Amino acid sequence: LWSFAPHDISLILSLTGEEPSYVDSVGSNFLHARIADVTMTNIKFPSGIGAHIFVSWLNPYKEQKLVIVGSSGMLVFDDTEPVERKLVHYPHTINWQNGLPVPNKAESQPIDIAPIWNEPLKAECEAFLAAIENGVPPITSGEEGLRVLKILELSQHSLEAKERGVFSPNSLHLTPNDPTPDSLPLTPHVRFFAHTTAIIDDNVEIGEKTKIWHFSHILSGSNIGEGCNVGQNVVIGPDATIGNKCKIQNNVSVYKGVTLEDGVFCGPSMVFTNIFNPRAEIGKMDQVRPTLIKKGATLGANCTIVCGHTIGRYAFIGAGAVVTKDVPDHAPMVGNPARQIGWMCECGEKLNTKQKCPACKKQYKPMGDTLK
């Protein structure tokens, strides 16, 4: 990719005069574990033009061809041919009959470029020296190099994402009209989404359609369910358990000993702990106190859950609250230390004095220190 494709990319950009809207690459590694020996890169442009680049270290013969397919035929430039046969026009057309394409083949027509032909490398060096000597802008500038480099990096990200078995948004140069990761199809080989800056250790289980965003780290032994959304700068594990359809917002650490059941919401920068009385100079990982967050609970932004406690089903911990004891099902908690201020519905609305939800109209019944 990086050895052979740069020239092809530059040529395609020059011919189209556009920035790509989509870049994706596939490849195979045979000679080196981390360098693809064979790659195919697909590039799409806003005007509808499409291009693909095939490069290989392993071909037993030299092939350097550029093929342009248009509405009035095809042009083929073959750099291995003599100059009088390097550029050939194939005036093939397609006729449509009863809704079916019928090819109309025509004889090839060589185009004599001998009068304007010059050895490419020599011409490139002459143009470069002339730009230095005369101070004129070069034909291909540093900006052109950056455009090529951008596409190479997108292609490399795409290759690496496929090797990890995940879909990466950086394999695409997305425009506002392109599909978002939410609407992009997931195949059996692309089970979950992870940004290329995310780090996923070995011995990790991640469910289908889960998304892991920028700079997050999933440590060994952790298990994340299906359909979860893990925000930016999140740390999970080691050995943490996340249920299905959980949302973990930015800057949250889910430590060893913490378990989230299905549908738990962790607000931005909320805090879990796992050692009750930590010291920097004394190892206490044998004193981890487990914390359980039950189904549907909400943990508000910047709240703190002191380790060793259970947060009940559909409980609602207010922003900034500090939880120092077990929390009943459906209990809203605020303050430091957190105290209960009524009851919450599954839908997230506070119940009235008759334990009825004003939003969804669901009726609850008090059962000791909880609701049913």
Protein backbone atom coordinates (compact mmCIF):
# COMPACT_ATOMS: atom_id res chain seq x y z
CA LEU A 1 0.00 0.00 0.00
CA TRP A 2 2.56 2.58 1.12
CA SER A 3 5.15 1.55 -1.50
CA PHE A 4 3.06 1.28 -4.67
CA ALA A 5 -0.20 3.15 -4.10
CA PRO A 6 0.96 6.78 -3.49
CA HIS A 7 1.59 7.44 -7.19
CA ASP A 8 -1.77 5.92 -8.15
CA ILE A 9 -3.60 7.99 -5.53
CA SER A 10 -1.94 11.20 -6.73
CA LEU A 11 -2.85 10.42 -10.32
CA ILE A 12 -6.49 9.69 -9.43
CA LEU A 13 -6.78 12.93 -7.45
CA SER A 14 -5.34 14.85 -10.39
CA LEU A 15 -7.73 13.28 -12.90
CA THR A 16 -10.86 13.72 -10.77
CA GLY A 17 -10.08 17.14 -9.28
CA GLU A 18 -12.08 16.15 -6.18
CA GLU A 19 -11.60 15.09 -2.60
CA PRO A 20 -12.92 11.58 -1.89
CA SER A 21 -16.10 10.99 0.07
CA TYR A 22 -15.30 7.33 0.88
CA VAL A 23 -12.10 5.31 1.29
CA ASP A 24 -11.97 1.63 2.19
CA SER A 25 -9.24 -1.02 1.86
CA VAL A 26 -8.96 -4.78 2.18
CA GLY A 27 -5.75 -6.78 2.13
CA SER A 28 -3.91 -9.96 3.00
CA ASN A 29 -0.66 -10.57 4.90
CA PHE A 30 1.55 -13.42 3.71
CA LEU A 31 5.20 -12.40 4.05
CA HIS A 32 4.91 -10.11 7.08
CA ALA A 33 2.54 -10.30 10.03
CA ARG A 34 1.75 -6.57 10.06
CA ILE A 35 2.31 -5.44 6.47
CA ALA A 36 -0.27 -6.33 3.84
CA ASP A 37 1.37 -7.81 0.73
CA VAL A 38 -1.79 -7.45 -1.39
CA THR A 39 -4.35 -4.64 -1.04
CA MET A 40 -7.43 -3.41 -2.85
CA THR A 41 -8.50 0.18 -2.13
CA ASN A 42 -11.89 1.57 -3.16
CA ILE A 43 -12.34 5.34 -3.43
CA LYS A 44 -15.60 7.17 -4.11
CA PHE A 45 -16.04 10.84 -5.03
CA PRO A 46 -19.01 13.20 -4.55
CA SER A 47 -19.57 13.45 -8.32
CA GLY A 48 -20.20 9.70 -8.53
CA ILE A 49 -16.77 8.79 -9.89
CA GLY A 50 -15.36 5.62 -8.38
CA ALA A 51 -11.78 4.32 -8.42
CA HIS A 52 -10.00 1.24 -7.18
CA ILE A 53 -6.31 0.52 -6.73
CA PHE A 54 -4.87 -2.99 -6.69
CA VAL A 55 -1.26 -3.39 -5.56
CA SER A 56 0.73 -6.53 -4.80
CA TRP A 57 4.26 -7.54 -3.85
CA LEU A 58 3.53 -11.10 -4.93
CA ASN A 59 2.71 -10.82 -8.65
CA PRO A 60 5.26 -12.86 -10.65
CA TYR A 61 5.19 -10.29 -13.48
CA LYS A 62 5.47 -6.52 -13.71
CA GLU A 63 2.21 -4.71 -14.38
CA GLN A 64 1.67 -0.95 -14.29
CA LYS A 65 -1.68 -0.08 -15.82
CA LEU A 66 -4.15 2.75 -15.53
CA VAL A 67 -7.65 2.02 -16.87
CA ILE A 68 -10.25 4.78 -17.30
CA VAL A 69 -13.81 3.71 -18.09
CA GLY A 70 -16.15 6.36 -19.49
CA SER A 71 -19.36 6.73 -21.43
CA SER A 72 -17.56 6.72 -24.79
CA GLY A 73 -15.16 3.86 -24.26
CA MET A 74 -12.06 3.04 -22.26
CA LEU A 75 -8.51 4.35 -22.11
CA VAL A 76 -5.69 2.05 -21.02
CA PHE A 77 -2.22 3.33 -20.19
CA ASP A 78 0.29 0.47 -19.88
CA ASP A 79 3.72 1.70 -18.81
CA THR A 80 5.37 -1.61 -19.70
CA GLU A 81 4.50 -1.28 -23.42
CA PRO A 82 6.58 0.53 -26.06
CA VAL A 83 5.76 4.22 -26.34
CA GLU A 84 3.63 3.74 -29.47
CA ARG A 85 1.41 1.26 -27.58
CA LYS A 86 1.43 2.80 -24.10
CA LEU A 87 -1.93 4.57 -24.54
CA VAL A 88 -4.79 2.69 -26.21
CA HIS A 89 -8.39 3.74 -26.75
CA TYR A 90 -11.07 1.03 -26.69
CA PRO A 91 -14.25 2.63 -28.11
CA HIS A 92 -16.51 -0.01 -26.57
CA THR A 93 -20.10 0.96 -25.82
CA ILE A 94 -23.09 -0.61 -24.12
CA ASN A 95 -26.47 -0.93 -25.82
CA TRP A 96 -29.53 -1.60 -23.69
CA GLN A 97 -32.04 -4.07 -25.09
CA ASN A 98 -35.16 -5.00 -23.14
CA GLY A 99 -33.55 -3.68 -20.00
CA LEU A 100 -30.40 -5.77 -20.43
CA PRO A 101 -26.89 -4.50 -21.24
CA VAL A 102 -25.45 -5.71 -24.55
CA PRO A 103 -21.74 -4.93 -25.06
CA ASN A 104 -20.71 -3.48 -28.40
CA LYS A 105 -17.01 -4.24 -28.74
CA ALA A 106 -14.78 -2.26 -31.09
CA GLU A 107 -11.20 -2.49 -32.29
CA SER A 108 -8.56 -0.93 -30.10
CA GLN A 109 -7.00 2.31 -31.31
CA PRO A 110 -3.42 3.04 -30.17
CA ILE A 111 -2.72 6.72 -29.54
CA ASP A 112 0.76 7.84 -30.51
CA ILE A 113 2.22 9.86 -27.65
CA ALA A 114 5.83 9.67 -28.89
CA PRO A 115 5.97 13.40 -29.82
CA ILE A 116 5.17 14.41 -26.23
CA TRP A 117 6.72 11.48 -24.41
CA ASN A 118 9.45 12.02 -21.85
CA GLU A 119 10.88 9.67 -19.26
CA PRO A 120 8.59 10.32 -16.23
CA LEU A 121 11.27 10.32 -13.53
CA LYS A 122 13.48 12.62 -15.61
CA ALA A 123 10.56 14.99 -16.22
CA GLU A 124 9.71 14.97 -12.52
CA CYS A 125 13.27 15.86 -11.53
CA GLU A 126 13.48 18.60 -14.16
CA ALA A 127 10.20 20.15 -12.95
CA PHE A 128 11.40 20.01 -9.33
CA LEU A 129 14.72 21.69 -10.14
CA ALA A 130 12.98 24.34 -12.25
CA ALA A 131 10.64 25.15 -9.36
CA ILE A 132 13.63 25.65 -7.07
CA GLU A 133 15.60 27.68 -9.58
CA ASN A 134 12.77 29.93 -10.77
CA GLY A 135 10.62 30.06 -7.65
CA VAL A 136 7.52 28.83 -9.48
CA PRO A 137 4.95 26.59 -7.77
CA PRO A 138 5.72 22.90 -8.31
CA ILE A 139 3.29 20.74 -10.25
CA THR A 140 2.84 18.58 -7.15
CA SER A 141 3.31 20.53 -3.92
CA GLY A 142 3.50 19.62 -0.26
CA GLU A 143 -0.27 20.10 -0.08
CA GLU A 144 -0.63 17.43 -2.76
CA GLY A 145 1.52 15.14 -0.63
CA LEU A 146 -0.72 15.72 2.38
CA ARG A 147 -3.81 14.85 0.33
CA VAL A 148 -2.18 11.58 -0.71
CA LEU A 149 -1.02 10.87 2.84
CA LYS A 150 -4.54 11.40 4.18
CA ILE A 151 -5.93 8.72 1.86
CA LEU A 152 -3.08 6.35 2.71
CA GLU A 153 -3.81 6.77 6.42
CA LEU A 154 -7.53 6.18 5.92
CA SER A 155 -6.69 3.04 3.95
CA GLN A 156 -4.30 1.82 6.64
CA HIS A 157 -6.89 2.38 9.38
CA SER A 158 -9.38 0.39 7.32
CA LEU A 159 -6.94 -2.53 6.94
CA GLU A 160 -6.11 -2.57 10.65
CA ALA A 161 -9.75 -2.40 11.70
CA LYS A 162 -10.59 -5.43 9.57
CA GLU A 163 -7.67 -7.36 11.07
CA ARG A 164 -9.11 -6.71 14.55
CA GLY A 165 -12.56 -7.77 13.38
CA VAL A 166 -14.12 -4.38 14.06
CA PHE A 167 -15.52 -1.57 11.98
CA SER A 168 -13.62 1.70 12.11
CA PRO A 169 -15.07 5.07 11.13
CA ASN A 170 -11.59 6.17 10.11
CA SER A 171 -11.75 3.76 7.20
CA LEU A 172 -14.22 6.28 5.79
CA HIS A 173 -13.82 9.93 4.95
CA LEU A 174 -17.39 10.80 5.89
CA THR A 175 -19.28 13.81 4.62
CA PRO A 176 -22.45 15.18 6.28
CA ASN A 177 -24.60 13.22 3.83
CA ASP A 178 -22.87 9.88 4.43
CA PRO A 179 -24.36 7.30 6.81
CA THR A 180 -23.37 7.49 10.46
CA PRO A 181 -21.91 4.50 12.31
CA ASP A 182 -25.40 3.89 13.75
CA SER A 183 -26.82 3.21 10.29
CA LEU A 184 -23.86 1.42 8.73
CA PRO A 185 -24.47 -2.31 8.27
CA LEU A 186 -22.70 -4.73 10.58
CA THR A 187 -21.67 -8.09 9.14
CA PRO A 188 -20.89 -11.31 11.04
CA HIS A 189 -17.21 -10.40 10.71
CA VAL A 190 -17.79 -6.85 11.99
CA ARG A 191 -19.49 -7.54 15.30
CA PHE A 192 -18.90 -4.27 17.11
CA PHE A 193 -17.56 -0.79 16.47
CA ALA A 194 -14.34 0.55 18.01
CA HIS A 195 -12.60 3.80 17.20
CA THR A 196 -9.00 3.31 16.09
CA THR A 197 -7.74 5.18 19.17
CA ALA A 198 -9.50 2.70 21.48
CA ILE A 199 -7.37 -0.02 23.09
CA ILE A 200 -8.90 -3.47 23.50
CA ASP A 201 -6.80 -6.01 25.40
CA ASP A 202 -6.77 -9.75 24.81
CA ASN A 203 -9.29 -11.96 26.61
CA VAL A 204 -12.16 -9.48 26.26
CA GLU A 205 -15.74 -10.27 25.23
CA ILE A 206 -17.70 -7.53 23.42
CA GLY A 207 -21.26 -8.02 22.21
CA GLU A 208 -22.69 -7.21 18.80
CA LYS A 209 -23.51 -3.60 17.89
CA THR A 210 -21.63 -2.23 20.88
CA LYS A 211 -19.72 1.00 20.16
CA ILE A 212 -16.44 2.00 21.83
CA TRP A 213 -15.31 5.55 21.22
CA HIS A 214 -12.14 7.67 21.28
CA PHE A 215 -9.26 6.87 23.69
CA SER A 216 -11.15 4.25 25.69
CA HIS A 217 -9.42 1.17 27.13
CA ILE A 218 -11.04 -2.23 27.68
CA LEU A 219 -8.81 -4.29 29.98
CA SER A 220 -8.35 -8.05 30.01
CA GLY A 221 -11.06 -10.23 31.49
CA SER A 222 -13.85 -7.73 30.93
CA ASN A 223 -17.19 -8.67 29.42
CA ILE A 224 -19.36 -6.10 27.63
CA GLY A 225 -22.83 -7.02 26.42
CA GLU A 226 -24.68 -6.22 23.21
CA GLY A 227 -25.79 -2.78 22.07
CA CYS A 228 -23.74 -0.81 24.59
CA ASN A 229 -22.33 2.68 24.02
CA VAL A 230 -18.95 3.33 25.65
CA GLY A 231 -18.02 7.00 25.45
CA GLN A 232 -14.72 8.81 25.15
CA ASN A 233 -11.87 8.25 27.63
CA VAL A 234 -13.58 5.36 29.43
CA VAL A 235 -11.67 2.59 31.22
CA ILE A 236 -13.37 -0.76 31.81
CA GLY A 237 -11.74 -3.51 33.86
CA PRO A 238 -9.87 -5.58 34.40
CA ASP A 239 -12.51 -8.25 35.02
CA ALA A 240 -15.50 -5.89 34.94
CA THR A 241 -18.92 -6.97 33.69
CA ILE A 242 -21.24 -4.76 31.64
CA GLY A 243 -24.73 -5.95 30.67
CA ASN A 244 -26.64 -5.32 27.46
CA LYS A 245 -27.70 -1.85 26.25
CA CYS A 246 -25.72 0.06 28.86
CA LYS A 247 -24.56 3.64 28.22
CA ILE A 248 -21.28 4.75 29.78
CA GLN A 249 -20.61 8.42 29.16
CA ASN A 250 -17.24 10.17 28.86
CA ASN A 251 -14.53 9.95 31.55
CA VAL A 252 -15.90 7.00 33.54
CA SER A 253 -13.80 4.16 34.98
CA VAL A 254 -15.55 0.85 35.67
CA TYR A 255 -13.10 -0.96 37.93
CA LYS A 256 -12.55 -4.57 38.89
CA GLY A 257 -15.40 -5.68 41.14
CA VAL A 258 -18.05 -3.51 39.47
CA THR A 259 -20.97 -5.18 37.70
CA LEU A 260 -23.56 -3.35 35.62
CA GLU A 261 -26.73 -5.22 34.78
CA ASP A 262 -28.68 -4.49 31.58
CA GLY A 263 -29.72 -0.94 30.71
CA VAL A 264 -27.57 0.94 33.22
CA PHE A 265 -26.76 4.60 32.49
CA CYS A 266 -23.47 6.03 33.81
CA GLY A 267 -23.40 9.82 33.47
CA PRO A 268 -20.33 11.84 32.48
CA SER A 269 -17.43 11.68 34.96
CA MET A 270 -19.33 9.66 37.58
CA VAL A 271 -17.04 7.65 39.87
CA PHE A 272 -16.84 4.04 41.00
CA THR A 273 -14.41 2.82 43.67
CA ASN A 274 -13.36 -0.70 44.58
CA ILE A 275 -11.12 -0.31 47.67
CA PHE A 276 -12.74 1.27 50.73
CA ASN A 277 -9.54 2.62 52.34
CA PRO A 278 -6.82 2.76 49.65
CA ARG A 279 -3.16 3.65 50.22
CA ALA A 280 -0.68 4.32 47.43
CA GLU A 281 2.11 2.38 49.16
CA ILE A 282 0.03 -0.60 50.30
CA GLY A 283 -1.45 -3.05 47.80
CA LYS A 284 -5.03 -3.89 48.68
CA MET A 285 -6.43 -5.56 45.56
CA ASP A 286 -7.25 -8.56 47.74
CA GLN A 287 -9.72 -6.28 49.54
CA VAL A 288 -11.90 -5.36 46.55
CA ARG A 289 -15.49 -4.76 47.62
CA PRO A 290 -17.95 -5.71 44.87
CA THR A 291 -20.43 -3.11 43.63
CA LEU A 292 -23.63 -4.14 41.83
CA ILE A 293 -25.70 -1.75 39.73
CA LYS A 294 -29.01 -3.41 38.94
CA LYS A 295 -31.08 -3.26 35.77
CA GLY A 296 -32.15 0.14 34.47
CA ALA A 297 -30.46 2.24 37.16
CA THR A 298 -29.26 5.78 36.34
CA LEU A 299 -26.06 7.18 37.85
CA GLY A 300 -26.01 10.94 37.30
CA ALA A 301 -23.07 13.07 36.21
CA ASN A 302 -20.24 13.39 38.77
CA CYS A 303 -21.93 11.16 41.35
CA THR A 304 -19.78 8.77 43.41
CA ILE A 305 -20.64 5.18 44.32
CA VAL A 306 -18.60 4.09 47.34
CA CYS A 307 -17.64 0.44 46.83
CA GLY A 308 -19.39 -2.51 48.43
CA HIS A 309 -22.97 -1.38 47.79
CA THR A 310 -25.89 -2.34 45.57
CA ILE A 311 -27.91 0.16 43.56
CA GLY A 312 -31.44 -1.16 43.03
CA ARG A 313 -33.40 -1.63 39.82
CA TYR A 314 -34.37 1.67 38.17
CA ALA A 315 -32.88 3.68 41.03
CA PHE A 316 -31.88 7.23 40.10
CA ILE A 317 -28.71 8.74 41.58
CA GLY A 318 -28.70 12.52 41.21
CA ALA A 319 -25.79 14.51 39.79
CA GLY A 320 -22.98 14.91 42.31
CA ALA A 321 -24.54 12.61 44.93
CA VAL A 322 -22.28 10.43 47.09
CA VAL A 323 -23.77 6.99 47.74
CA THR A 324 -22.55 5.38 50.98
CA LYS A 325 -25.18 2.65 51.45
CA ASP A 326 -27.38 0.25 49.49
CA VAL A 327 -30.11 1.93 47.42
CA PRO A 328 -33.61 0.40 47.06
CA ASP A 329 -35.27 -0.26 43.71
CA HIS A 330 -36.79 2.89 42.14
CA ALA A 331 -35.22 5.20 44.74
CA PRO A 332 -34.04 8.70 43.71
CA MET A 333 -30.99 9.73 45.76
CA VAL A 334 -29.44 13.19 46.13
CA GLY A 335 -26.87 14.93 48.30
CA ASN A 336 -23.75 13.99 50.30
CA PRO A 337 -24.28 11.52 51.80
CA ALA A 338 -27.07 10.59 49.40
CA ARG A 339 -30.60 10.44 50.81
CA GLN A 340 -33.83 9.20 49.27
CA ILE A 341 -36.40 11.79 48.12
CA GLY A 342 -39.33 9.69 46.89
CA TRP A 343 -39.72 7.12 44.12
CA MET A 344 -38.92 6.93 40.41
CA CYS A 345 -40.75 5.26 37.53
CA GLU A 346 -39.01 2.95 35.08
CA CYS A 347 -39.41 5.70 32.47
CA GLY A 348 -37.30 8.11 34.56
CA GLU A 349 -40.06 10.36 35.94
CA LYS A 350 -40.62 10.94 39.65
CA LEU A 351 -43.82 9.37 41.04
CA ASN A 352 -46.50 11.47 42.70
CA THR A 353 -47.64 10.95 46.29
CA LYS A 354 -49.93 8.13 45.14
CA GLN A 355 -46.97 6.30 43.54
CA LYS A 356 -48.30 6.92 40.04
CA CYS A 357 -46.17 8.13 37.16
CA PRO A 358 -47.45 11.44 35.73
CA ALA A 359 -45.80 10.68 32.37
CA CYS A 360 -46.55 7.04 31.48
CA LYS A 361 -49.40 6.62 34.06
CA LYS A 362 -47.93 3.42 35.49
CA GLN A 363 -49.19 2.66 39.01
CA TYR A 364 -46.87 1.21 41.68
CA LYS A 365 -47.54 -0.33 45.08
CA PRO A 366 -45.33 0.13 48.17
CA MET A 367 -43.80 -3.16 49.33
CA GLY A 368 -41.79 -2.53 52.49
CA ASP A 369 -38.79 -0.41 51.53
CA THR A 370 -39.36 -0.73 47.79
CA LEU A 371 -42.05 -0.61 45.09
CA LYS A 372 -43.74 -3.22 42.96
